[in-house]
Every structure is written in structure tokens, then in C-alpha cells.
Amino acid sequence: MSHGPRTRVAVVGAGPAGLLLARLLHLHSIDCVVLESRGRGYVEQRQRAGILEQSTVDVLRRAGAADRLEREGLPHDGIELRFAGRRHRLDFPALTGGRRVWVYAQTEVVKDLIALQLADGPPLVFEAPVHAVEGAQDGGCTVRYTHGGRERALTCDWVVGCDGFHGVVRDAVPAPARQVHERVYPYAWLGILADAPPVHDELIYAHSPRGFALASMRSPAVSRLYLQVPVGTEPGTWPDERIWDELDVRFGAHADWRLTRGPVTQKAVLPMRSSVTEPMRYGRVLLAGDAAHIVPPTGAKGLNLAVSDVTVLARAFAHLHETGSATLLDTYSDDCLGRVWRAEHFSYFMTTTLHTAPGQSSFDTRLQLSQLERVAASPHAAAELAENYTGAPLPGEG
């Protein structure tokens, strides 16, 4: 898709954050160009999150990007916690006043947004790696990138970095101008996709002396499952049968309950870390999604935080476009960071409560079980977990 040498907003990165932002800007008649370093095939196959909060689904509906989600997404009204031989279900609508979540893979969200973008949206340029962002503190920016074997330049009023933690735009913010808060967890996840029906119609989060396990799904015929493993684990050291056997043990399998086994079609190890970069704006450069923050996947917040960021940002750009006032852009970072830190705290709670750290003492294990017992016994504690899991309404939702 061609574009001129100038645009209002340059969006770097065609993940869900960049694509959704471009869609929302298009609906407000704001010019933008999306530059993506990878090809379309690669972008549409990146396996990431699969849980959409109520607010994320609502935004996708307003953006006209939820038709396939409505047909193929799996609405979930709760999760199951397993610990110390117990099974406890959290009923989300009952605990939150009607909120729920959807299982719909990030890859599918990306495919839907790409299709919309190519059909009637602003320019989307694949295989266009950005190598420099200049003029962040000036009256406008220049984005230098390569496409079709040629060095090119795109001038713009604003640059939005949706290109991840290792992206070029994040590095365009000078180190003295940003503060990075990080936590690295001493374990990782081994994640698999398997051609096997899900064992349960809702997600199962399991605490076990042998480590955490999670049973999820991608469709009624495809299971998504995770095991806690040591940092540095190679996927090839876990044969398929070993994975299935270990999952059965951690979920507390017995005579009348076992995972349905099937061919493992994908296997990967995911590191676990938390990171927040403050502020999320530097001059005319703004950060969104993983470029600004990383959360461990236990709380299912990564994609949903990205959607929250770009929803707030699109509203700020619309306000500038309609009134000439940059007030909402000036408060963008502060407006987002409150929600970001809430999600970081929830993700930390879920991660540290459900995982077994190397060398963990029996005292720490008993504290974890005490916390899980509290969630099972206290309506207040259960409601707090459910409200955090399903996500707070976005600003302006009411």
C-alpha cells in the first residue's frame, strides 16, 4: 500500500496495538501510516495472548473489528483454581456485575485488523524496518526506514512506538529521559498447542508442589497448555509424553479426570518478567503496548493493556484533531500508567501465588495456599480477583 512522504501519525509496529490504533485513527479521519519490519505471513502467525477482557471486546466492536470474534470467540464466565486437592470456580458475572472474558487468539485479532486495514484503512507497509526516529523534541519527526531495498524517510507530527520492548522507537527516547522498572521471575513457561479437545470449558489455573500449570484452549478442537519450567529450558528436552504426564500430575489427575491427549503441533518456552517504562511520552514520541510495559502472562493482561493504551491515545488524537488542543496527549502517560501498575500488581499476585520458586520453603508454600484458600472462602477476595481478571472499564466507558 503506497503512501506519501508525510503523514499526521506514524505508527511503528503492526501488532494488535499498532493496527488497532490505526483503525481508530482512521475512524476519526486522522491520517496515519503503519510501518512493520516483518512480512504479513510472519505477523499473522505470531503466537501470543488469547484472553480478551470485556473492555477489549467492546473496543473491537466499536472499531468494526469483531465480526469473526462474535462468531468464533469463546465467551468465558469464569476460571477454575486447583490447589491442595481442591477445585474452586470463580463466577465472573456474579462477582463483577456481569463482566466476562473471551478466548480468541491474538493471531486472530491481528488477522482481522490487517484485513480491515488493507480493505479500507490507512497505508500498512510490511517489510519496512525502521532504523531511526529523529526530531522527537522538535516541531515534527522523521522516521527513517528501509523498504524495497531503498532507504526512505517519512515525516510526521507524531510517532507512536508499538514495536515492542526491543523496538527502535523505545530506544529513541534518551536513557536519561526514561526510567525502567523491572522484575525477572526465576521460572519460565513451556507452552504447547495440541490437536486435542479442551478438557474443560473454562481455564484451569493449578498450583502444585511440582510447579504451576494452566489449561486453556484456542478452539473446541485445539488445546493451549502451559507448564512451569526452569529458566533456560529447551523445548526439545520435553518429549510430548513427558509433557502430558506432567500436566496430568499437576492438575491432580485421577480415575475420572485426565487431559485429552493429542498431537502437539507447537512447543515454545516463554520467559517471565515485568517491566514498566516511564513516562510513556517523550516530546512527539509516544509508547504503547509492549514498548512501554511487559507483564507475565499469568494475569492475561498484555494484549488488554495494549488495547487500553491505544484507546486512550486515539481519544487524545481525536481531541487534538477536533479542537486543536493537545491536553489529552499531555496527560496520556499519566492516564495510562495508573491502569498499567494495577495490571502489573495483579499479574505479580497471580504469578507469585501460583508458581513454585526454586528452593521455595514450606513456609512460602503455606502462604500461597493460605491466599488461595482466602480467595475460595471470601466473597470479597474472590470478587477482587474476578474484577482484576475481567478488567476495569476504560476511561469513558462509565
Protein backbone atom coordinates (compact mmCIF):
# COMPACT_ATOMS: atom_id res chain seq x y z
CA MET A 1 0.00 0.00 0.00
CA SER A 2 1.57 3.28 -1.08
CA HIS A 3 1.77 6.49 0.93
CA GLY A 4 3.18 9.97 0.59
CA PRO A 5 6.32 11.34 2.22
CA ARG A 6 4.31 12.89 5.04
CA THR A 7 1.57 11.82 7.44
CA ARG A 8 -0.01 13.05 10.65
CA VAL A 9 0.85 9.98 12.77
CA ALA A 10 3.50 7.34 12.06
CA VAL A 11 2.72 4.05 13.80
CA VAL A 12 5.67 1.67 14.10
CA GLY A 13 4.68 -1.96 14.54
CA ALA A 14 1.75 -3.94 13.11
CA GLY A 15 0.87 -5.94 16.18
CA PRO A 16 -2.57 -5.54 17.76
CA ALA A 17 -1.66 -2.18 19.35
CA GLY A 18 -0.44 -0.54 16.14
CA LEU A 19 -3.18 -1.99 13.96
CA LEU A 20 -5.99 -1.08 16.35
CA LEU A 21 -4.62 2.44 16.80
CA ALA A 22 -4.53 2.88 13.01
CA ARG A 23 -8.11 1.65 12.78
CA LEU A 24 -9.32 4.04 15.47
CA LEU A 25 -7.47 6.97 13.88
CA HIS A 26 -8.98 6.10 10.51
CA LEU A 27 -12.47 6.24 12.04
CA HIS A 28 -11.63 9.75 13.26
CA SER A 29 -10.32 10.76 9.77
CA ILE A 30 -6.76 11.18 11.08
CA ASP A 31 -4.00 10.37 8.59
CA CYS A 32 -1.50 7.73 9.61
CA VAL A 33 0.92 5.18 8.19
CA VAL A 34 1.81 1.84 9.79
CA LEU A 35 5.35 0.51 9.27
CA GLU A 36 6.09 -3.13 10.10
CA SER A 37 9.54 -4.70 9.92
CA ARG A 38 8.27 -8.23 9.18
CA GLY A 39 6.20 -9.69 6.37
CA ARG A 40 2.47 -10.22 6.59
CA GLY A 41 2.77 -14.01 6.87
CA TYR A 42 5.06 -13.75 9.89
CA VAL A 43 2.89 -11.14 11.62
CA GLU A 44 -0.25 -13.23 11.20
CA GLN A 45 1.39 -16.31 12.74
CA ARG A 46 2.96 -14.83 15.89
CA GLN A 47 1.50 -16.78 18.82
CA ARG A 48 0.68 -14.56 21.76
CA ALA A 49 -2.14 -13.99 24.22
CA GLY A 50 -5.58 -15.48 23.92
CA ILE A 51 -7.73 -13.85 26.62
CA LEU A 52 -9.69 -10.70 25.82
CA GLU A 53 -11.19 -8.59 28.58
CA GLN A 54 -14.70 -7.22 28.33
CA SER A 55 -13.33 -3.74 27.53
CA THR A 56 -11.11 -5.09 24.76
CA VAL A 57 -14.05 -6.81 23.10
CA ASP A 58 -16.10 -3.62 23.42
CA VAL A 59 -13.36 -1.58 21.71
CA LEU A 60 -13.03 -4.11 18.88
CA ARG A 61 -16.79 -3.97 18.38
CA ARG A 62 -16.74 -0.17 18.16
CA ALA A 63 -13.87 -0.39 15.69
CA GLY A 64 -15.84 -2.75 13.45
CA ALA A 65 -13.27 -5.49 14.04
CA ALA A 66 -15.32 -8.05 15.96
CA ASP A 67 -17.39 -9.83 13.30
CA ARG A 68 -15.33 -13.04 13.38
CA LEU A 69 -14.79 -12.72 17.11
CA GLU A 70 -18.57 -12.79 17.59
CA ARG A 71 -18.81 -15.99 15.51
CA GLU A 72 -15.72 -17.87 16.65
CA GLY A 73 -14.68 -16.39 20.02
CA LEU A 74 -15.39 -18.41 23.14
CA PRO A 75 -17.01 -16.34 25.90
CA HIS A 76 -15.99 -17.47 29.38
CA ASP A 77 -17.84 -16.73 32.58
CA GLY A 78 -15.18 -17.92 34.99
CA ILE A 79 -11.98 -19.80 35.74
CA GLU A 80 -11.16 -22.74 37.96
CA LEU A 81 -8.44 -22.70 40.61
CA ARG A 82 -6.86 -26.00 41.64
CA PHE A 83 -4.72 -26.28 44.75
CA ALA A 84 -4.12 -28.76 47.59
CA GLY A 85 -6.52 -31.28 46.07
CA ARG A 86 -9.30 -28.66 45.81
CA ARG A 87 -11.18 -27.28 42.83
CA HIS A 88 -12.77 -23.85 43.16
CA ARG A 89 -14.64 -21.97 40.42
CA LEU A 90 -14.85 -18.19 40.20
CA ASP A 91 -18.11 -17.00 38.62
CA PHE A 92 -17.13 -13.75 36.89
CA PRO A 93 -20.57 -12.29 36.05
CA ALA A 94 -21.85 -12.98 39.57
CA LEU A 95 -18.75 -11.43 41.16
CA THR A 96 -18.38 -8.41 38.84
CA GLY A 97 -21.89 -7.38 37.89
CA GLY A 98 -21.90 -9.11 34.52
CA ARG A 99 -18.34 -8.83 33.14
CA ARG A 100 -16.74 -11.80 31.36
CA VAL A 101 -13.75 -12.62 29.15
CA TRP A 102 -13.34 -14.16 25.69
CA VAL A 103 -10.87 -16.75 24.40
CA TYR A 104 -9.80 -15.51 20.96
CA ALA A 105 -6.16 -15.73 19.96
CA GLN A 106 -4.12 -12.59 19.37
CA THR A 107 -3.18 -14.01 15.96
CA GLU A 108 -6.86 -13.89 15.01
CA VAL A 109 -7.24 -10.30 16.24
CA VAL A 110 -4.25 -9.34 14.11
CA LYS A 111 -5.65 -11.09 11.02
CA ASP A 112 -8.98 -9.29 11.45
CA LEU A 113 -7.33 -5.88 11.83
CA ILE A 114 -4.98 -6.44 8.88
CA ALA A 115 -7.92 -7.39 6.66
CA LEU A 116 -9.75 -4.19 7.62
CA GLN A 117 -6.63 -2.08 7.15
CA LEU A 118 -5.91 -3.44 3.69
CA ALA A 119 -9.55 -3.12 2.64
CA ASP A 120 -10.25 0.48 3.58
CA GLY A 121 -7.74 1.75 6.09
CA PRO A 122 -4.62 3.91 6.04
CA PRO A 123 -1.37 2.61 4.50
CA LEU A 124 0.13 -0.52 6.04
CA VAL A 125 3.69 -1.26 4.87
CA PHE A 126 5.20 -4.67 5.58
CA GLU A 127 8.92 -5.49 5.41
CA ALA A 128 9.74 -1.89 6.32
CA PRO A 129 12.19 -1.96 9.25
CA VAL A 130 12.59 1.39 10.99
CA HIS A 131 16.17 2.24 11.94
CA ALA A 132 15.88 5.79 13.27
CA VAL A 133 13.40 8.27 14.71
CA GLU A 134 14.56 11.88 14.64
CA GLY A 135 13.16 15.18 15.93
CA ALA A 136 11.23 13.96 18.96
CA GLN A 137 11.64 17.32 20.68
CA ASP A 138 11.16 19.42 17.55
CA GLY A 139 8.04 20.55 15.70
CA GLY A 140 7.84 17.27 13.83
CA CYS A 141 9.54 13.89 13.44
CA THR A 142 11.28 11.97 10.71
CA VAL A 143 11.09 8.18 10.64
CA ARG A 144 13.86 6.57 8.61
CA TYR A 145 13.23 3.06 7.35
CA THR A 146 14.09 0.62 4.59
CA HIS A 147 11.58 -0.77 2.09
CA GLY A 148 12.08 -2.50 -1.21
CA GLY A 149 15.84 -2.23 -0.86
CA ARG A 150 15.75 1.57 -0.58
CA GLU A 151 16.30 3.94 2.32
CA ARG A 152 13.19 6.05 2.87
CA ALA A 153 12.01 8.86 5.14
CA LEU A 154 8.54 9.59 6.48
CA THR A 155 7.90 12.96 8.10
CA CYS A 156 5.10 13.23 10.62
CA ASP A 157 3.76 15.22 13.55
CA TRP A 158 3.80 12.26 15.95
CA VAL A 159 5.42 8.83 16.20
CA VAL A 160 3.79 6.01 18.16
CA GLY A 161 6.00 3.08 19.10
CA CYS A 162 4.01 -0.16 19.03
CA ASP A 163 7.11 -2.18 18.13
CA GLY A 164 7.76 -3.92 21.43
CA PHE A 165 10.30 -3.88 24.22
CA HIS A 166 13.25 -4.22 21.84
CA GLY A 167 11.82 -1.79 19.29
CA VAL A 168 13.56 1.18 17.72
CA VAL A 169 11.03 3.76 18.92
CA ARG A 170 11.54 2.93 22.59
CA ASP A 171 15.26 3.40 22.10
CA ALA A 172 14.60 6.79 20.50
CA VAL A 173 13.80 8.07 23.99
CA PRO A 174 17.16 9.03 25.57
CA ALA A 175 18.11 6.93 28.58
CA PRO A 176 18.22 9.95 30.94
CA ALA A 177 14.62 10.78 29.96
CA ARG A 178 13.13 7.43 30.93
CA GLN A 179 13.01 5.22 33.97
CA VAL A 180 12.61 1.48 33.62
CA HIS A 181 11.24 -0.65 36.47
CA GLU A 182 11.80 -4.39 36.04
CA ARG A 183 11.35 -7.73 37.74
CA VAL A 184 12.63 -11.01 36.28
CA TYR A 185 10.99 -14.19 37.58
CA PRO A 186 13.07 -17.31 38.33
CA TYR A 187 10.97 -19.61 36.14
CA ALA A 188 9.51 -19.83 32.64
CA TRP A 189 6.55 -21.42 30.85
CA LEU A 190 6.66 -24.30 28.40
CA GLY A 191 3.64 -23.67 26.18
CA ILE A 192 2.13 -26.12 23.72
CA LEU A 193 -0.63 -26.18 21.14
CA ALA A 194 -2.22 -29.60 20.71
CA ASP A 195 -4.86 -31.02 18.40
CA ALA A 196 -6.93 -32.19 21.34
CA PRO A 197 -10.31 -31.03 22.67
CA PRO A 198 -10.01 -28.88 25.82
CA VAL A 199 -10.52 -30.89 28.97
CA HIS A 200 -12.71 -28.18 30.50
CA ASP A 201 -14.91 -25.43 29.11
CA GLU A 202 -13.09 -22.77 31.18
CA LEU A 203 -9.44 -22.09 32.01
CA ILE A 204 -7.85 -24.07 34.85
CA TYR A 205 -5.06 -22.49 36.93
CA ALA A 206 -3.26 -25.11 39.01
CA HIS A 207 -0.91 -24.65 41.97
CA SER A 208 1.23 -27.75 42.52
CA PRO A 209 4.32 -28.66 44.54
CA ARG A 210 5.87 -29.55 41.16
CA GLY A 211 5.08 -26.13 39.70
CA PHE A 212 2.29 -24.20 38.01
CA ALA A 213 0.12 -25.50 35.14
CA LEU A 214 -2.56 -23.83 33.01
CA ALA A 215 -5.17 -25.43 30.76
CA SER A 216 -6.58 -23.13 28.11
CA MET A 217 -7.85 -23.52 24.55
CA ARG A 218 -7.81 -21.96 21.10
CA SER A 219 -10.96 -23.63 19.80
CA PRO A 220 -13.26 -26.55 20.64
CA ALA A 221 -10.70 -28.80 18.92
CA VAL A 222 -7.37 -27.21 19.93
CA SER A 223 -5.91 -27.03 23.45
CA ARG A 224 -3.38 -24.48 24.69
CA LEU A 225 -1.48 -25.71 27.76
CA TYR A 226 1.39 -24.42 29.88
CA LEU A 227 3.85 -25.87 32.37
CA GLN A 228 6.18 -24.00 34.70
CA VAL A 229 9.78 -24.96 33.82
CA PRO A 230 13.23 -23.73 34.85
CA VAL A 231 14.70 -20.69 33.14
CA GLY A 232 16.80 -21.76 30.16
CA THR A 233 14.76 -24.87 29.41
CA GLU A 234 14.97 -26.06 25.79
CA PRO A 235 11.61 -27.21 24.38
CA GLY A 236 13.25 -30.27 22.82
CA THR A 237 14.14 -31.64 26.26
CA TRP A 238 10.44 -32.19 26.91
CA PRO A 239 9.09 -35.04 24.73
CA ASP A 240 5.34 -34.97 24.17
CA GLU A 241 4.55 -37.86 26.52
CA ARG A 242 6.56 -36.27 29.30
CA ILE A 243 4.57 -33.06 28.88
CA TRP A 244 1.21 -34.84 29.03
CA ASP A 245 2.27 -36.94 32.03
CA GLU A 246 3.47 -33.87 33.93
CA LEU A 247 0.29 -31.93 33.13
CA ASP A 248 -1.82 -34.79 34.49
CA VAL A 249 0.16 -34.80 37.73
CA ARG A 250 -0.01 -31.04 38.24
CA PHE A 251 -3.72 -30.84 37.54
CA GLY A 252 -4.29 -33.64 40.04
CA ALA A 253 -5.50 -36.21 37.54
CA HIS A 254 -7.40 -39.17 38.92
CA ALA A 255 -9.51 -42.00 37.58
CA ASP A 256 -12.37 -39.85 36.33
CA TRP A 257 -10.35 -36.81 35.15
CA ARG A 258 -7.46 -36.73 32.72
CA LEU A 259 -6.39 -34.42 29.95
CA THR A 260 -7.41 -35.44 26.46
CA ARG A 261 -4.15 -36.14 24.65
CA GLY A 262 -3.41 -35.38 21.02
CA PRO A 263 -0.61 -34.41 18.63
CA VAL A 264 1.49 -31.47 19.88
CA THR A 265 1.75 -29.04 16.96
CA GLN A 266 3.74 -26.26 18.58
CA LYS A 267 6.12 -26.04 21.54
CA ALA A 268 7.91 -22.96 22.93
CA VAL A 269 9.39 -21.59 26.17
CA LEU A 270 8.22 -18.19 27.40
CA PRO A 271 10.30 -16.12 29.84
CA MET A 272 8.53 -14.44 32.75
CA ARG A 273 9.19 -10.80 33.56
CA SER A 274 7.59 -7.50 34.43
CA SER A 275 8.71 -4.13 33.09
CA VAL A 276 7.34 -0.59 33.03
CA THR A 277 8.93 2.36 31.22
CA GLU A 278 8.02 5.81 32.49
CA PRO A 279 6.95 8.18 31.07
CA MET A 280 5.12 6.82 28.04
CA ARG A 281 5.63 10.07 26.15
CA TYR A 282 8.78 11.95 25.18
CA GLY A 283 8.11 15.05 23.10
CA ARG A 284 6.38 13.85 19.95
CA VAL A 285 7.17 10.20 20.59
CA LEU A 286 4.61 8.05 22.39
CA LEU A 287 4.91 4.44 23.55
CA ALA A 288 2.11 1.88 23.66
CA GLY A 289 1.78 -1.80 24.45
CA ASP A 290 4.95 -3.85 24.95
CA ALA A 291 7.12 -0.87 24.03
CA ALA A 292 6.00 0.66 27.34
CA HIS A 293 5.30 -2.32 29.59
CA ILE A 294 5.62 -6.09 29.87
CA VAL A 295 3.58 -8.31 32.18
CA PRO A 296 3.97 -12.02 32.92
CA PRO A 297 1.22 -13.94 31.11
CA THR A 298 -0.35 -15.34 34.29
CA GLY A 299 -2.78 -12.44 34.60
CA ALA A 300 -3.69 -12.32 30.86
CA LYS A 301 -3.04 -8.58 30.71
CA GLY A 302 -0.52 -7.96 27.90
CA LEU A 303 -2.84 -7.60 24.91
CA ASN A 304 -5.53 -5.96 27.00
CA LEU A 305 -3.16 -3.27 28.30
CA ALA A 306 -2.08 -2.56 24.72
CA VAL A 307 -5.72 -2.07 23.71
CA SER A 308 -6.24 0.23 26.70
CA ASP A 309 -3.20 2.33 25.73
CA VAL A 310 -4.24 2.88 22.13
CA THR A 311 -7.86 3.54 23.06
CA VAL A 312 -6.72 6.37 25.35
CA LEU A 313 -4.25 7.55 22.70
CA ALA A 314 -6.82 7.54 19.88
CA ARG A 315 -9.15 9.62 22.03
CA ALA A 316 -6.31 12.08 22.64
CA PHE A 317 -5.51 12.37 18.93
CA ALA A 318 -9.21 12.82 18.14
CA HIS A 319 -9.41 15.62 20.69
CA LEU A 320 -6.40 17.32 19.09
CA HIS A 321 -7.88 16.88 15.62
CA GLU A 322 -11.26 18.30 16.60
CA THR A 323 -10.25 21.11 18.97
CA GLY A 324 -6.57 21.84 18.29
CA SER A 325 -5.81 21.13 21.96
CA ALA A 326 -3.06 18.69 22.94
CA THR A 327 -4.32 18.48 26.53
CA LEU A 328 -5.16 14.77 26.37
CA LEU A 329 -1.85 13.96 24.71
CA ASP A 330 -0.12 15.82 27.54
CA THR A 331 -1.82 13.58 30.10
CA TYR A 332 -1.58 10.36 28.05
CA SER A 333 1.23 8.83 30.11
CA ASP A 334 -0.37 9.56 33.48
CA ASP A 335 -3.77 8.43 32.22
CA CYS A 336 -2.34 5.04 31.21
CA LEU A 337 0.15 4.35 33.99
CA GLY A 338 -2.44 4.01 36.75
CA ARG A 339 -4.05 1.11 34.87
CA VAL A 340 -0.64 -0.31 33.92
CA TRP A 341 0.54 -0.51 37.53
CA ARG A 342 -2.78 -2.03 38.61
CA ALA A 343 -2.31 -4.74 35.99
CA GLU A 344 1.33 -5.22 36.97
CA HIS A 345 0.32 -5.75 40.58
CA PHE A 346 -2.40 -8.24 39.66
CA SER A 347 -0.05 -10.14 37.35
CA TYR A 348 2.57 -10.23 40.10
CA PHE A 349 -0.02 -11.56 42.56
CA MET A 350 -1.17 -14.32 40.20
CA THR A 351 2.38 -15.27 39.29
CA THR A 352 3.87 -15.39 42.78
CA THR A 353 0.79 -17.08 44.28
CA LEU A 354 0.60 -19.90 41.75
CA HIS A 355 4.24 -20.66 40.91
CA THR A 356 6.78 -22.60 42.96
CA ALA A 357 10.09 -20.72 43.13
CA PRO A 358 13.38 -22.65 43.07
CA GLY A 359 14.27 -23.64 46.62
CA GLN A 360 10.92 -22.41 47.93
CA SER A 361 10.41 -23.04 51.63
CA SER A 362 7.42 -24.81 53.13
CA PHE A 363 6.56 -21.51 54.83
CA ASP A 364 6.23 -19.76 51.46
CA THR A 365 4.14 -22.62 50.11
CA ARG A 366 1.78 -22.41 53.07
CA LEU A 367 1.42 -18.67 52.48
CA GLN A 368 0.43 -19.35 48.87
CA LEU A 369 -2.14 -21.93 49.91
CA SER A 370 -3.49 -19.59 52.57
CA GLN A 371 -4.03 -16.92 49.94
CA LEU A 372 -5.79 -19.37 47.62
CA GLU A 373 -7.96 -20.57 50.50
CA ARG A 374 -8.89 -16.95 51.17
CA VAL A 375 -9.99 -16.49 47.54
CA ALA A 376 -12.09 -19.66 47.81
CA ALA A 377 -13.65 -18.71 51.15
CA SER A 378 -14.07 -14.94 50.94
CA PRO A 379 -16.55 -13.35 48.51
CA HIS A 380 -14.60 -10.11 48.81
CA ALA A 381 -11.29 -11.74 47.85
CA ALA A 382 -12.97 -13.67 45.03
CA ALA A 383 -14.60 -10.51 43.70
CA GLU A 384 -11.29 -8.64 43.78
CA LEU A 385 -9.60 -11.35 41.72
CA ALA A 386 -12.52 -11.54 39.28
CA GLU A 387 -12.64 -7.75 38.82
CA ASN A 388 -8.93 -7.61 38.10
CA TYR A 389 -9.07 -10.58 35.72
CA THR A 390 -12.00 -9.27 33.68
CA GLY A 391 -10.55 -5.74 33.67
CA ALA A 392 -11.82 -2.36 34.76
CA PRO A 393 -13.87 -0.26 32.30
CA LEU A 394 -11.78 2.02 30.12
CA PRO A 395 -12.00 5.79 30.61
CA GLY A 396 -15.24 7.00 29.09
CA GLU A 397 -16.96 3.60 29.37
CA GLY A 398 -18.76 4.51 32.56
